[in-house]
Amino acid sequence: MQYLVATDGSAVSKRAVEHAAIEATAWGAPLEIVHVLTPEPKLVEGSLVIPGSDTAIEYGKQTLSEAERIAQTAAEKRDSPLETSTELLAGWPAETITNHTKETGIDAIYVGHRGLSEDSTNFGSVAKSILDKATVPVTIIK
């Protein structure tokens, strides 16, 4: 078994990381934590420019570092070892996460029900798209 949890740094994605870590420790499975950089390209004088890419990369690295700390803290509370890895990906989140899952042999995906736009109790578009596209079990954390 190998688990993946996607995080964007939101409160609900942090809960998803904690939940995934608890599940991974229960099964002795490794946990991969991913953050997807979503470029918003613009055409400037005939050249494709990705605004704020350095900032986005730094935010992504910080988000992964914080998520890994949360996962390890959850494992320590259970007195269980947890093997974690992190991966900074780029693309459209749902497609990137489900493709990465297929390519790496992940057995289950964990994701928050809504990311940084927590203005509704419904599933966010990324969580719903992951659920629709995934070929492995998906756990959506509220």
Protein backbone atom coordinates (compact mmCIF):
# COMPACT_ATOMS: atom_id res chain seq x y z
CA MET A 1 0.00 0.00 0.00
CA GLN A 2 1.09 3.53 -0.75
CA TYR A 3 -0.96 6.65 0.01
CA LEU A 4 -0.99 10.14 -1.47
CA VAL A 5 -2.36 13.30 0.10
CA ALA A 6 -2.70 16.55 -1.80
CA THR A 7 -2.34 19.85 0.01
CA ASP A 8 -2.74 23.50 -0.89
CA GLY A 9 -1.96 24.81 2.58
CA SER A 10 -5.58 25.42 3.56
CA ALA A 11 -6.93 24.38 6.96
CA VAL A 12 -8.97 21.54 5.47
CA SER A 13 -6.01 20.22 3.48
CA LYS A 14 -3.97 20.20 6.70
CA ARG A 15 -6.71 18.02 8.24
CA ALA A 16 -6.47 15.76 5.18
CA VAL A 17 -2.70 15.44 5.73
CA GLU A 18 -3.24 14.51 9.38
CA HIS A 19 -5.94 11.96 8.50
CA ALA A 20 -3.83 10.42 5.74
CA ALA A 21 -0.86 10.15 8.10
CA ILE A 22 -2.97 8.35 10.68
CA GLU A 23 -4.25 5.92 8.06
CA ALA A 24 -0.75 5.35 6.68
CA THR A 25 0.64 4.57 10.13
CA ALA A 26 -2.22 2.16 10.81
CA TRP A 27 -1.27 0.16 7.71
CA GLY A 28 2.49 0.73 7.80
CA ALA A 29 2.25 2.43 4.41
CA PRO A 30 4.41 5.24 3.03
CA LEU A 31 2.74 8.60 2.50
CA GLU A 32 3.51 10.90 -0.42
CA ILE A 33 2.50 14.53 0.09
CA VAL A 34 1.98 16.58 -3.07
CA HIS A 35 1.32 20.21 -3.88
CA VAL A 36 0.38 21.24 -7.40
CA LEU A 37 1.57 24.53 -8.84
CA THR A 38 -1.12 25.82 -11.16
CA PRO A 39 0.44 28.21 -13.63
CA GLU A 40 -1.67 31.06 -14.92
CA PRO A 41 0.18 31.89 -18.11
CA LYS A 42 -0.17 35.23 -19.87
CA LEU A 43 0.90 36.29 -23.33
CA VAL A 44 3.13 39.38 -23.00
CA GLU A 45 4.52 40.84 -26.22
CA GLY A 46 4.36 37.47 -27.92
CA SER A 47 6.05 35.58 -25.05
CA LEU A 48 4.40 33.23 -22.60
CA VAL A 49 5.02 34.48 -19.05
CA ILE A 50 4.12 32.74 -15.80
CA PRO A 51 3.64 35.51 -13.25
CA GLY A 52 5.04 34.95 -9.76
CA SER A 53 6.58 31.58 -10.54
CA ASP A 54 9.39 32.04 -7.99
CA THR A 55 6.83 33.01 -5.38
CA ALA A 56 4.62 30.06 -6.29
CA ILE A 57 7.52 27.63 -6.03
CA GLU A 58 8.56 29.01 -2.64
CA TYR A 59 4.96 28.79 -1.38
CA GLY A 60 4.74 25.22 -2.66
CA LYS A 61 7.93 24.21 -0.88
CA GLN A 62 6.76 25.82 2.36
CA THR A 63 3.36 24.14 2.03
CA LEU A 64 5.00 20.73 1.58
CA SER A 65 7.36 21.29 4.50
CA GLU A 66 4.48 22.25 6.81
CA ALA A 67 2.41 19.29 5.62
CA GLU A 68 5.29 16.89 6.26
CA ARG A 69 5.64 18.30 9.79
CA ILE A 70 1.90 17.78 10.37
CA ALA A 71 2.12 14.19 9.11
CA GLN A 72 5.11 13.38 11.33
CA THR A 73 3.40 14.93 14.37
CA ALA A 74 0.31 12.79 13.73
CA ALA A 75 2.52 9.68 13.51
CA GLU A 76 4.38 10.57 16.70
CA LYS A 77 1.06 10.89 18.57
CA ARG A 78 0.38 7.28 17.60
CA ASP A 79 3.93 6.20 18.47
CA SER A 80 4.23 4.88 14.93
CA PRO A 81 6.94 5.42 12.35
CA LEU A 82 5.88 7.09 9.11
CA GLU A 83 7.81 7.17 5.87
CA THR A 84 6.96 10.38 4.02
CA SER A 85 8.05 11.94 0.77
CA THR A 86 7.05 15.19 -0.88
CA GLU A 87 6.58 16.15 -4.48
CA LEU A 88 6.02 19.55 -6.05
CA LEU A 89 4.00 19.04 -9.23
CA ALA A 90 2.77 21.46 -11.88
CA GLY A 91 -0.39 21.52 -13.95
CA TRP A 92 -4.13 21.46 -13.42
CA PRO A 93 -4.56 19.91 -9.95
CA ALA A 94 -7.10 17.13 -10.49
CA GLU A 95 -5.55 15.89 -13.72
CA THR A 96 -2.00 16.19 -12.37
CA ILE A 97 -2.82 14.35 -9.13
CA THR A 98 -4.69 11.50 -10.81
CA ASN A 99 -2.04 11.09 -13.52
CA HIS A 100 0.73 11.09 -10.90
CA THR A 101 -1.22 8.47 -8.95
CA LYS A 102 -1.38 6.18 -11.98
CA GLU A 103 2.29 6.69 -12.86
CA THR A 104 3.59 5.97 -9.35
CA GLY A 105 1.31 3.13 -8.30
CA ILE A 106 -0.45 4.99 -5.49
CA ASP A 107 -3.22 2.92 -3.87
CA ALA A 108 -5.36 5.69 -2.34
CA ILE A 109 -5.76 9.47 -2.46
CA TYR A 110 -6.65 11.83 0.39
CA VAL A 111 -7.76 15.40 -0.27
CA GLY A 112 -9.62 18.19 1.51
CA HIS A 113 -13.21 18.79 0.46
CA ARG A 114 -12.46 22.38 -0.46
CA GLY A 115 -9.14 24.16 -0.72
CA LEU A 116 -8.24 27.78 -0.20
CA SER A 117 -11.72 28.98 -1.19
CA GLU A 118 -13.58 27.58 1.83
CA ASP A 119 -16.76 29.57 1.21
CA SER A 120 -19.13 26.63 0.80
CA THR A 121 -19.99 23.31 2.40
CA ASN A 122 -20.06 21.62 -1.02
CA PHE A 123 -17.12 19.85 -2.59
CA GLY A 124 -14.70 22.09 -4.39
CA SER A 125 -14.08 21.62 -8.08
CA VAL A 126 -10.65 20.01 -7.52
CA ALA A 127 -11.94 17.46 -4.99
CA LYS A 128 -14.88 16.59 -7.24
CA SER A 129 -12.67 16.28 -10.31
CA ILE A 130 -10.22 14.03 -8.46
CA LEU A 131 -13.13 11.86 -7.39
CA ASP A 132 -14.37 11.68 -11.00
CA LYS A 133 -10.94 10.98 -12.58
CA ALA A 134 -9.31 8.71 -10.00
CA THR A 135 -8.91 5.00 -10.56
CA VAL A 136 -8.10 4.35 -6.88
CA PRO A 137 -10.14 5.00 -3.71
CA VAL A 138 -10.42 8.68 -2.79
CA THR A 139 -11.08 9.92 0.73
CA ILE A 140 -12.38 13.47 0.93
CA ILE A 141 -11.84 15.11 4.30
CA LYS A 142 -14.20 17.80 5.54
